[in-house]
Amino acid sequence: MEGSESSDAVLNRWQSLYDGDDLTQFPSQPVLYFQQWFSLATAHPNIPAPEQTTLCTASAKGIPSGRMVLLKGVDLRGFCFYTNYLSRKGNELAENPYAALVFYWEPLGASVRVEGPVTRLSPEESDTYFDTRPRGSKLGLLLEKKMEGSESSDAVLNRWQSLYDGDDLTQFPSQPVLYFQQWFSLATAHPNIPAPEQTTLCTASAKGIPSGRMVLLKGVDLRGFCFYTNYLSRKGNELAENPYAALVFYWEPLGASVRVEGPVTRLSPEESDTYFDTRPRGSKLACIASDIQSAVVKGGKAELDDRYQATEDRYKETPDGEIPRPAHWGGYRVSPTTIEFWRAHKYRFHSRLRYTLKQQTVPVEPAGSEEGGLEWHLERLAP
């Protein structure tokens, strides 16, 4: 999908949108505001598929999961997508009809999070959309999407396409984290993937209501996937009461996605301190000033600016290396029990490989160590 304007023109329009403290200047209907943002994302030449979104669901037991879907309609009634009712997400929505959508448009530096109950569309609405799909898509297929790139991107795609994707499962790494690292290195090398570490974190409340947001992967080894955040944030509170999560990585230029699920534990204070010391001074101060993350700010942006300025003044004589990590901020590790690798294929007849930890009960402690010792079951799934 190509934008109708230059990226600079779209960014100028984006930056002209009101973002002040007079809340009466924003649309009274959030869907109308979303449509403004979506139109700009659609116009941006470096956002090839603005309709791609992470769908976060949770089982009846409150275990969250996530995957990519396509937005196919939005109006004041809600946000619509289509899928197989017998799929995992279909089954989860049948037993726990709540979901969250997370849109992320990196060239705009913009994200939208949508949460609420889910209902099936009427058969007539589904029939109407189904009739618009290409013949091959109706058969479970979709026309191949071609990816354009520079010579360097072509080189990355050549390496990507050379990765084995056959039926001899012994040809795949026995440890899924090692396979993830192969994919991640290719995503990192691709010139059109500016931030491969961006991922959707899906959590659920104690009542099993799912939510999602973007975070940054800051480390991965055989023990799991690490990110850092405010422990007092909504995600921190949900992880405290329901310590399970899902991560969804999506790298559109490769046609690749990875889904990670498992229990979550806090990193040790020493691990969090070590990472905190690597952050720029401004980021350290922001962590200290943002102890109220996700709380309603009644004083507007001025209140936030005042909090940051007060923190900056408090530590103006403190060297960067001596700024202490605040107790409300630190790291988490998702210890995977399931990792799924998804590769786009023509006609939407995609390739899906799922690694499942042979330990069937979800472990409380980290699932492994640098030395390995984890045993996984690998199987291919239907598209």
Foldseek 3Di string as FASTA:
>chain_A
DAAPDEQVVLLVVLVPPDDFDPVVSDDPQVLVVVVVVLNSLRRYRLNPAQQKKKKWAAAQQQFIWIDIFGFDDQDSVGTDTDDDCPDPVNNRCVNPFKIKIWGDRVSNRDIDIDIDGDDDDDPVVVVVVLVPADPLVVVVFHADDDFDDDPQQVVLLVVLVPPDQDDPVVSDDQQVLVVVVVVLVSLPSHPSNPAQQKKKKWGAASSNHITIDIFGFDDQALLFTKTKDFCPAPVNNRCVNPFKIKIWGDRVSQQKIKIFIAGKDFDDPVVFFVVLLVDDQLVQLLQVLVNVYPPDDPPIVVVSVVSSVVSCVVCVVPDSNPRGRDPRMGMMGGQGQKMKMWHADGGRFIWIKMKGFPPPDGDPHRPADNVDPTGIDIDTDGD
